[in-house]
Amino acid sequence: MLRKIVTIDPEKCDGCGLCVPSCAEGAITLIDGKAVLSADNLCDGLGACLGECPRDAIKIEEREADEFDEAAVEQHLAALGKPVPPPAAHGHGHGHGHGHGGGCPGSRAMIFAPAPVDAPVTPSGSRQSQLAQWPVQLHLVSTTAPYFQGADLLITADCVPVAYAGYHEDFLKGKAVVMGCPKLDDNSFYLQKLTELFTRSEVKSITVLKMEVPCCGGIAVAAQQALAASGKQIPFEVITIGIQGQIKG
């Protein structure tokens, strides 16, 4: 079957092994000093291991591969003498919130109850988060996740919430969100992922929040190109945040 699956570049991999424990399914192992995928059916293709590689050797590709097999994962982990995680850890069960997908517990999709619109503002340090979903990283979200259906989508360069103090109240409230860094990531991946998201989900509006630095413009370009590739007419806005936190347009 054609599906997304992890691929590891042996030229980039230095065998540090940081990716091995990050995979809840035990799909990655070290052979001759290199990380390799043990078997296609052990990998769910959701990329919980991506952020653990300091050499950027792990990517997600779409190719013909055996279907992900939870029973095979359980047998594999048992053979390794490792505990078998609960079903939710594979992203096919239901834990807290509404679970849909996710390679490890930290990337399992969840929907939260947002704060009431008229909720009082509490003192600094205990303010109500306006985040209504999980995960948020573009590498980890499912393009068919229920929280994207009929949503106002906020595409955020990941430095923005640090620079702009009122991010939750002024931008995030009431929106679904995805985040990424066009300087550190492959912008062609963003284009592909966002095109798929716009095509599969009935997004009502798109707001891109980027920093004023030139390298951050890539996330807005990828979003614009993805919208064109999807063939849809969706209201689209780009907002630029200055490095000192001001809205610049």
C-alpha atoms as a PDB file:
ATOM      1  CA  MET A   1       0.000   0.000   0.000  1.00  0.00           C
ATOM      2  CA  LEU A   2       1.056   3.597  -0.608  1.00  0.00           C
ATOM      3  CA  ARG A   3       1.542   5.379   2.719  1.00  0.00           C
ATOM      4  CA  LYS A   4       3.811   7.694   4.694  1.00  0.00           C
ATOM      5  CA  ILE A   5       6.747   6.071   6.428  1.00  0.00           C
ATOM      6  CA  VAL A   6      10.053   7.028   8.033  1.00  0.00           C
ATOM      7  CA  THR A   7      13.201   7.055   5.920  1.00  0.00           C
ATOM      8  CA  ILE A   8      16.718   7.427   7.358  1.00  0.00           C
ATOM      9  CA  ASP A   9      19.577   8.885   5.310  1.00  0.00           C
ATOM     10  CA  PRO A  10      22.658   6.736   6.065  1.00  0.00           C
ATOM     11  CA  GLU A  11      24.965   9.490   4.788  1.00  0.00           C
ATOM     12  CA  LYS A  12      23.686  11.929   7.422  1.00  0.00           C
ATOM     13  CA  CYS A  13      23.243   9.463  10.289  1.00  0.00           C
ATOM     14  CA  ASP A  14      26.175   9.401  12.722  1.00  0.00           C
ATOM     15  CA  GLY A  15      24.772   6.570  14.843  1.00  0.00           C
ATOM     16  CA  CYS A  16      24.127   8.664  17.957  1.00  0.00           C
ATOM     17  CA  GLY A  17      21.028   6.555  18.713  1.00  0.00           C
ATOM     18  CA  LEU A  18      18.853   9.394  20.038  1.00  0.00           C
ATOM     19  CA  CYS A  19      16.041   8.362  17.718  1.00  0.00           C
ATOM     20  CA  VAL A  20      15.851   4.786  19.038  1.00  0.00           C
ATOM     21  CA  PRO A  21      14.105   5.420  22.392  1.00  0.00           C
ATOM     22  CA  SER A  22      11.852   8.075  20.833  1.00  0.00           C
ATOM     23  CA  CYS A  23      10.025   5.423  18.805  1.00  0.00           C
ATOM     24  CA  ALA A  24       7.305   3.865  20.954  1.00  0.00           C
ATOM     25  CA  GLU A  25       7.051   0.939  18.554  1.00  0.00           C
ATOM     26  CA  GLY A  26      10.751   0.072  18.631  1.00  0.00           C
ATOM     27  CA  ALA A  27      10.866   0.382  14.848  1.00  0.00           C
ATOM     28  CA  ILE A  28      14.355   1.928  14.752  1.00  0.00           C
ATOM     29  CA  THR A  29      17.528   0.081  15.655  1.00  0.00           C
ATOM     30  CA  LEU A  30      21.267   0.567  15.204  1.00  0.00           C
ATOM     31  CA  ILE A  31      23.112  -1.692  12.786  1.00  0.00           C
ATOM     32  CA  ASP A  32      26.811  -1.197  12.013  1.00  0.00           C
ATOM     33  CA  GLY A  33      26.725   2.236  13.617  1.00  0.00           C
ATOM     34  CA  LYS A  34      23.727   3.492  11.646  1.00  0.00           C
ATOM     35  CA  ALA A  35      20.061   3.903  12.519  1.00  0.00           C
ATOM     36  CA  VAL A  36      17.811   1.748  10.341  1.00  0.00           C
ATOM     37  CA  LEU A  37      14.122   0.925  10.163  1.00  0.00           C
ATOM     38  CA  SER A  38      13.679  -2.621  11.464  1.00  0.00           C
ATOM     39  CA  ALA A  39      10.582  -3.334   9.372  1.00  0.00           C
ATOM     40  CA  ASP A  40       8.010  -1.272   7.488  1.00  0.00           C
ATOM     41  CA  ASN A  41       5.074  -2.715   9.421  1.00  0.00           C
ATOM     42  CA  LEU A  42       6.520  -1.482  12.728  1.00  0.00           C
ATOM     43  CA  CYS A  43       6.512   2.182  11.645  1.00  0.00           C
ATOM     44  CA  ASP A  44       3.280   4.186  11.857  1.00  0.00           C
ATOM     45  CA  GLY A  45       4.767   6.969   9.713  1.00  0.00           C
ATOM     46  CA  LEU A  46       3.815   9.764  12.115  1.00  0.00           C
ATOM     47  CA  GLY A  47       7.371  10.822  12.841  1.00  0.00           C
ATOM     48  CA  ALA A  48       7.684  11.007  16.624  1.00  0.00           C
ATOM     49  CA  CYS A  49      11.409  10.419  16.035  1.00  0.00           C
ATOM     50  CA  LEU A  50      11.936  13.381  13.669  1.00  0.00           C
ATOM     51  CA  GLY A  51      12.772  15.968  16.290  1.00  0.00           C
ATOM     52  CA  GLU A  52      15.297  13.709  18.033  1.00  0.00           C
ATOM     53  CA  CYS A  53      17.838  13.586  15.198  1.00  0.00           C
ATOM     54  CA  PRO A  54      20.561  16.248  15.479  1.00  0.00           C
ATOM     55  CA  ARG A  55      21.766  15.428  11.967  1.00  0.00           C
ATOM     56  CA  ASP A  56      18.382  15.855  10.257  1.00  0.00           C
ATOM     57  CA  ALA A  57      18.782  12.335   8.867  1.00  0.00           C
ATOM     58  CA  ILE A  58      15.155  11.262   9.400  1.00  0.00           C
ATOM     59  CA  LYS A  59      12.342  12.288   7.083  1.00  0.00           C
ATOM     60  CA  ILE A  60       8.851  11.137   6.216  1.00  0.00           C
ATOM     61  CA  GLU A  61       8.368   9.853   2.680  1.00  0.00           C
ATOM     62  CA  GLU A  62       5.394   8.402   0.851  1.00  0.00           C
ATOM     63  CA  ARG A  63       6.054   5.046  -0.810  1.00  0.00           C
ATOM     64  CA  GLU A  64       4.786   1.501  -1.137  1.00  0.00           C
ATOM     65  CA  ALA A  65       5.139  -0.162   2.266  1.00  0.00           C
ATOM     66  CA  ASP A  66       3.523  -2.836   4.384  1.00  0.00           C
ATOM     67  CA  GLU A  67       0.613  -1.592   6.476  1.00  0.00           C
ATOM     68  CA  PHE A  68       1.353  -0.597  10.066  1.00  0.00           C
ATOM     69  CA  ASP A  69       0.661  -3.668  12.234  1.00  0.00           C
ATOM     70  CA  GLU A  70       0.000  -3.229  15.965  1.00  0.00           C
ATOM     71  CA  ALA A  71       0.150  -6.978  16.595  1.00  0.00           C
ATOM     72  CA  ALA A  72       3.599  -7.120  14.993  1.00  0.00           C
ATOM     73  CA  VAL A  73       4.670  -4.169  17.155  1.00  0.00           C
ATOM     74  CA  GLU A  74       3.581  -5.979  20.319  1.00  0.00           C
ATOM     75  CA  GLN A  75       5.466  -9.127  19.308  1.00  0.00           C
ATOM     76  CA  HIS A  76       8.545  -7.079  18.408  1.00  0.00           C
ATOM     77  CA  LEU A  77       8.570  -5.206  21.723  1.00  0.00           C
ATOM     78  CA  ALA A  78       8.064  -8.435  23.645  1.00  0.00           C
ATOM     79  CA  ALA A  79      11.023  -9.990  21.829  1.00  0.00           C
ATOM     80  CA  LEU A  80      13.126  -6.976  22.804  1.00  0.00           C
ATOM     81  CA  GLY A  81      12.014  -7.326  26.412  1.00  0.00           C
ATOM     82  CA  LYS A  82      10.376  -3.913  26.345  1.00  0.00           C
ATOM     83  CA  PRO A  83       6.955  -3.104  27.823  1.00  0.00           C
ATOM     84  CA  VAL A  84       4.113  -2.905  25.342  1.00  0.00           C
ATOM     85  CA  PRO A  85       2.585   0.593  25.469  1.00  0.00           C
ATOM     86  CA  PRO A  86      -1.196   0.961  25.850  1.00  0.00           C
ATOM     87  CA  PRO A  87      -3.239   1.258  22.643  1.00  0.00           C
ATOM     88  CA  ALA A  88      -3.315   5.051  22.907  1.00  0.00           C
ATOM     89  CA  ALA A  89       0.462   5.119  22.564  1.00  0.00           C
ATOM     90  CA  HIS A  90       0.088   3.781  19.045  1.00  0.00           C
ATOM     91  CA  GLY A  91      -2.517   6.425  18.292  1.00  0.00           C
ATOM     92  CA  HIS A  92      -5.383   3.970  17.731  1.00  0.00           C
ATOM     93  CA  GLY A  93      -7.007   4.016  21.139  1.00  0.00           C
ATOM     94  CA  HIS A  94      -8.649   6.691  23.235  1.00  0.00           C
ATOM     95  CA  GLY A  95      -6.997   8.378  26.167  1.00  0.00           C
ATOM     96  CA  HIS A  96      -7.733  11.789  27.606  1.00  0.00           C
ATOM     97  CA  GLY A  97      -9.363  13.992  25.009  1.00  0.00           C
ATOM     98  CA  HIS A  98     -10.285  12.586  21.608  1.00  0.00           C
ATOM     99  CA  GLY A  99      -7.410  10.517  20.184  1.00  0.00           C
ATOM    100  CA  HIS A 100      -6.882  10.229  16.447  1.00  0.00           C
ATOM    101  CA  GLY A 101      -3.414   9.192  15.295  1.00  0.00           C
ATOM    102  CA  GLY A 102      -0.049   9.920  16.919  1.00  0.00           C
ATOM    103  CA  GLY A 103       3.100   7.805  16.987  1.00  0.00           C
ATOM    104  CA  CYS A 104       3.865   8.150  20.689  1.00  0.00           C
ATOM    105  CA  PRO A 105       1.773   9.524  23.547  1.00  0.00           C
ATOM    106  CA  GLY A 106       3.290  12.962  22.966  1.00  0.00           C
ATOM    107  CA  SER A 107       2.098  13.155  19.351  1.00  0.00           C
ATOM    108  CA  ARG A 108      -1.344  11.563  19.752  1.00  0.00           C
ATOM    109  CA  ALA A 109      -4.031  13.875  18.372  1.00  0.00           C
ATOM    110  CA  MET A 110      -6.283  15.443  20.980  1.00  0.00           C
ATOM    111  CA  ILE A 111      -9.010  18.070  21.086  1.00  0.00           C
ATOM    112  CA  PHE A 112      -9.405  20.272  24.142  1.00  0.00           C
ATOM    113  CA  ALA A 113     -12.341  22.314  25.378  1.00  0.00           C
ATOM    114  CA  PRO A 114     -11.349  25.938  24.722  1.00  0.00           C
ATOM    115  CA  ALA A 115     -11.755  28.584  27.382  1.00  0.00           C
ATOM    116  CA  PRO A 116     -15.106  30.439  27.301  1.00  0.00           C
ATOM    117  CA  VAL A 117     -14.953  33.605  25.252  1.00  0.00           C
ATOM    118  CA  ASP A 118     -16.002  35.670  28.279  1.00  0.00           C
ATOM    119  CA  ALA A 119     -13.658  33.928  30.718  1.00  0.00           C
ATOM    120  CA  PRO A 120     -12.005  36.449  33.031  1.00  0.00           C
ATOM    121  CA  VAL A 121      -8.330  37.179  32.520  1.00  0.00           C
ATOM    122  CA  THR A 122      -6.374  35.742  35.433  1.00  0.00           C
ATOM    123  CA  PRO A 123      -3.131  37.170  36.800  1.00  0.00           C
ATOM    124  CA  SER A 124       0.074  36.708  34.851  1.00  0.00           C
ATOM    125  CA  GLY A 125       1.501  33.222  35.219  1.00  0.00           C
ATOM    126  CA  SER A 126      -1.857  31.447  35.382  1.00  0.00           C
ATOM    127  CA  ARG A 127      -3.647  32.650  32.265  1.00  0.00           C
ATOM    128  CA  GLN A 128      -5.919  30.264  30.421  1.00  0.00           C
ATOM    129  CA  SER A 129      -4.312  28.679  27.379  1.00  0.00           C
ATOM    130  CA  GLN A 130      -6.276  29.071  24.163  1.00  0.00           C
ATOM    131  CA  LEU A 131      -4.791  25.936  22.600  1.00  0.00           C
ATOM    132  CA  ALA A 132      -7.643  23.631  21.539  1.00  0.00           C
ATOM    133  CA  GLN A 133      -5.772  20.681  19.991  1.00  0.00           C
ATOM    134  CA  TRP A 134      -2.631  18.526  20.016  1.00  0.00           C
ATOM    135  CA  PRO A 135      -0.221  18.091  18.275  1.00  0.00           C
ATOM    136  CA  VAL A 136       0.644  21.434  16.657  1.00  0.00           C
ATOM    137  CA  GLN A 137       3.858  20.757  14.707  1.00  0.00           C
ATOM    138  CA  LEU A 138       3.327  20.461  10.945  1.00  0.00           C
ATOM    139  CA  HIS A 139       5.475  17.328  10.938  1.00  0.00           C
ATOM    140  CA  LEU A 140       3.118  15.615  13.384  1.00  0.00           C
ATOM    141  CA  VAL A 141      -0.439  16.750  12.630  1.00  0.00           C
ATOM    142  CA  SER A 142      -2.782  14.593  10.576  1.00  0.00           C
ATOM    143  CA  THR A 143      -4.223  16.456   7.608  1.00  0.00           C
ATOM    144  CA  THR A 144      -7.590  14.802   8.238  1.00  0.00           C
ATOM    145  CA  ALA A 145      -7.733  15.551  11.973  1.00  0.00           C
ATOM    146  CA  PRO A 146     -11.250  16.543  13.066  1.00  0.00           C
ATOM    147  CA  TYR A 147     -10.083  19.839  14.568  1.00  0.00           C
ATOM    148  CA  PHE A 148      -9.274  21.146  11.062  1.00  0.00           C
ATOM    149  CA  GLN A 149     -12.788  20.569   9.705  1.00  0.00           C
ATOM    150  CA  GLY A 150     -14.584  23.903   9.356  1.00  0.00           C
ATOM    151  CA  ALA A 151     -11.801  25.643  11.291  1.00  0.00           C
ATOM    152  CA  ASP A 152     -10.100  28.993  11.033  1.00  0.00           C
ATOM    153  CA  LEU A 153      -6.489  27.899  10.586  1.00  0.00           C
ATOM    154  CA  LEU A 154      -3.519  29.703  12.131  1.00  0.00           C
ATOM    155  CA  ILE A 155      -0.161  28.860  10.547  1.00  0.00           C
ATOM    156  CA  THR A 156       2.501  30.072  12.972  1.00  0.00           C
ATOM    157  CA  ALA A 157       6.244  30.417  12.561  1.00  0.00           C
ATOM    158  CA  ASP A 158       7.443  28.962  15.820  1.00  0.00           C
ATOM    159  CA  CYS A 159       9.303  32.077  17.024  1.00  0.00           C
ATOM    160  CA  VAL A 160       6.112  34.146  16.954  1.00  0.00           C
ATOM    161  CA  PRO A 161       4.630  33.023  20.317  1.00  0.00           C
ATOM    162  CA  VAL A 162       7.920  33.949  21.999  1.00  0.00           C
ATOM    163  CA  ALA A 163       8.135  37.389  20.363  1.00  0.00           C
ATOM    164  CA  TYR A 164       4.458  38.389  20.566  1.00  0.00           C
ATOM    165  CA  ALA A 165       3.204  38.551  24.150  1.00  0.00           C
ATOM    166  CA  GLY A 166      -0.505  38.409  23.350  1.00  0.00           C
ATOM    167  CA  TYR A 167      -0.347  35.435  20.994  1.00  0.00           C
ATOM    168  CA  HIS A 168      -2.977  33.321  22.771  1.00  0.00           C
ATOM    169  CA  GLU A 169      -5.570  36.062  23.248  1.00  0.00           C
ATOM    170  CA  ASP A 170      -5.031  37.995  19.994  1.00  0.00           C
ATOM    171  CA  PHE A 171      -4.421  35.184  17.503  1.00  0.00           C
ATOM    172  CA  LEU A 172      -4.816  31.627  18.809  1.00  0.00           C
ATOM    173  CA  LYS A 173      -8.241  31.917  20.443  1.00  0.00           C
ATOM    174  CA  GLY A 174     -10.880  30.003  18.483  1.00  0.00           C
ATOM    175  CA  LYS A 175      -8.470  28.681  15.834  1.00  0.00           C
ATOM    176  CA  ALA A 176      -6.783  25.451  14.876  1.00  0.00           C
ATOM    177  CA  VAL A 177      -3.021  25.868  14.664  1.00  0.00           C
ATOM    178  CA  VAL A 178       0.029  24.378  12.966  1.00  0.00           C
ATOM    179  CA  MET A 179       3.602  25.489  13.596  1.00  0.00           C
ATOM    180  CA  GLY A 180       6.965  25.220  11.905  1.00  0.00           C
ATOM    181  CA  CYS A 181      10.271  26.923  11.141  1.00  0.00           C
ATOM    182  CA  PRO A 182      11.067  27.495   7.449  1.00  0.00           C
ATOM    183  CA  LYS A 183      14.700  28.213   8.318  1.00  0.00           C
ATOM    184  CA  LEU A 184      15.300  24.811   9.933  1.00  0.00           C
ATOM    185  CA  ASP A 185      12.864  22.618   7.998  1.00  0.00           C
ATOM    186  CA  ASP A 186      12.375  21.609   4.380  1.00  0.00           C
ATOM    187  CA  ASN A 187       9.959  24.125   2.845  1.00  0.00           C
ATOM    188  CA  SER A 188       9.021  21.628   0.123  1.00  0.00           C
ATOM    189  CA  PHE A 189       7.654  19.449   2.917  1.00  0.00           C
ATOM    190  CA  TYR A 190       5.547  22.384   4.144  1.00  0.00           C
ATOM    191  CA  LEU A 191       4.190  22.888   0.642  1.00  0.00           C
ATOM    192  CA  GLN A 192       3.230  19.220   0.342  1.00  0.00           C
ATOM    193  CA  LYS A 193       1.742  18.973   3.844  1.00  0.00           C
ATOM    194  CA  LEU A 194      -0.267  22.199   3.594  1.00  0.00           C
ATOM    195  CA  THR A 195      -1.557  21.323   0.126  1.00  0.00           C
ATOM    196  CA  GLU A 196      -2.808  18.040   1.532  1.00  0.00           C
ATOM    197  CA  LEU A 197      -4.335  19.828   4.523  1.00  0.00           C
ATOM    198  CA  PHE A 198      -6.165  22.423   2.425  1.00  0.00           C
ATOM    199  CA  THR A 199      -7.381  19.738   0.027  1.00  0.00           C
ATOM    200  CA  ARG A 200      -8.662  17.293   2.637  1.00  0.00           C
ATOM    201  CA  SER A 201     -10.054  19.672   5.259  1.00  0.00           C
ATOM    202  CA  GLU A 202     -12.783  22.274   4.927  1.00  0.00           C
ATOM    203  CA  VAL A 203     -10.715  25.114   6.352  1.00  0.00           C
ATOM    204  CA  LYS A 204     -12.731  28.375   6.520  1.00  0.00           C
ATOM    205  CA  SER A 205      -9.859  30.855   6.666  1.00  0.00           C
ATOM    206  CA  ILE A 206      -6.062  30.901   6.769  1.00  0.00           C
ATOM    207  CA  THR A 207      -3.922  33.299   8.784  1.00  0.00           C
ATOM    208  CA  VAL A 208      -0.138  33.068   8.539  1.00  0.00           C
ATOM    209  CA  LEU A 209       1.899  34.565  11.388  1.00  0.00           C
ATOM    210  CA  LYS A 210       5.558  35.033  10.520  1.00  0.00           C
ATOM    211  CA  MET A 211       8.527  36.940  11.901  1.00  0.00           C
ATOM    212  CA  GLU A 212      10.009  39.944  10.111  1.00  0.00           C
ATOM    213  CA  VAL A 213      13.337  38.200   9.425  1.00  0.00           C
ATOM    214  CA  PRO A 214      13.734  37.267   5.728  1.00  0.00           C
ATOM    215  CA  CYS A 215      14.127  33.529   6.252  1.00  0.00           C
ATOM    216  CA  CYS A 216      10.707  33.390   7.897  1.00  0.00           C
ATOM    217  CA  GLY A 217       8.948  34.389   4.684  1.00  0.00           C
ATOM    218  CA  GLY A 218       9.198  30.822   3.449  1.00  0.00           C
ATOM    219  CA  ILE A 219       6.274  29.652   5.554  1.00  0.00           C
ATOM    220  CA  ALA A 220       3.977  32.268   3.981  1.00  0.00           C
ATOM    221  CA  VAL A 221       5.188  31.385   0.489  1.00  0.00           C
ATOM    222  CA  ALA A 222       4.580  27.686   1.111  1.00  0.00           C
ATOM    223  CA  ALA A 223       1.066  28.432   2.394  1.00  0.00           C
ATOM    224  CA  GLN A 224       0.240  30.601  -0.630  1.00  0.00           C
ATOM    225  CA  GLN A 225       1.549  27.982  -3.053  1.00  0.00           C
ATOM    226  CA  ALA A 226      -0.300  25.221  -1.217  1.00  0.00           C
ATOM    227  CA  LEU A 227      -3.565  27.147  -1.390  1.00  0.00           C
ATOM    228  CA  ALA A 228      -3.104  27.619  -5.142  1.00  0.00           C
ATOM    229  CA  ALA A 229      -2.272  23.925  -5.574  1.00  0.00           C
ATOM    230  CA  SER A 230      -5.415  22.916  -3.651  1.00  0.00           C
ATOM    231  CA  GLY A 231      -7.598  24.809  -6.138  1.00  0.00           C
ATOM    232  CA  LYS A 232      -9.697  26.239  -3.303  1.00  0.00           C
ATOM    233  CA  GLN A 233     -10.744  29.818  -2.625  1.00  0.00           C
ATOM    234  CA  ILE A 234     -10.094  30.357   1.094  1.00  0.00           C
ATOM    235  CA  PRO A 235      -9.683  33.781   2.740  1.00  0.00           C
ATOM    236  CA  PHE A 236      -5.944  34.230   3.273  1.00  0.00           C
ATOM    237  CA  GLU A 237      -3.986  36.727   5.390  1.00  0.00           C
ATOM    238  CA  VAL A 238      -0.322  37.126   6.304  1.00  0.00           C
ATOM    239  CA  ILE A 239       0.663  39.033   9.460  1.00  0.00           C
ATOM    240  CA  THR A 240       4.279  39.922  10.211  1.00  0.00           C
ATOM    241  CA  ILE A 241       5.596  40.208  13.768  1.00  0.00           C
ATOM    242  CA  GLY A 242       8.699  42.249  14.594  1.00  0.00           C
ATOM    243  CA  ILE A 243      11.514  40.753  16.609  1.00  0.00           C
ATOM    244  CA  GLN A 244      10.583  43.076  19.481  1.00  0.00           C
ATOM    245  CA  GLY A 245       6.979  41.899  19.425  1.00  0.00           C
ATOM    246  CA  GLN A 246       5.235  44.583  17.403  1.00  0.00           C
ATOM    247  CA  ILE A 247       2.737  43.869  14.608  1.00  0.00           C
ATOM    248  CA  LYS A 248       4.329  45.143  11.414  1.00  0.00           C
ATOM    249  CA  GLY A 249       1.608  44.387   8.918  1.00  0.00           C
END
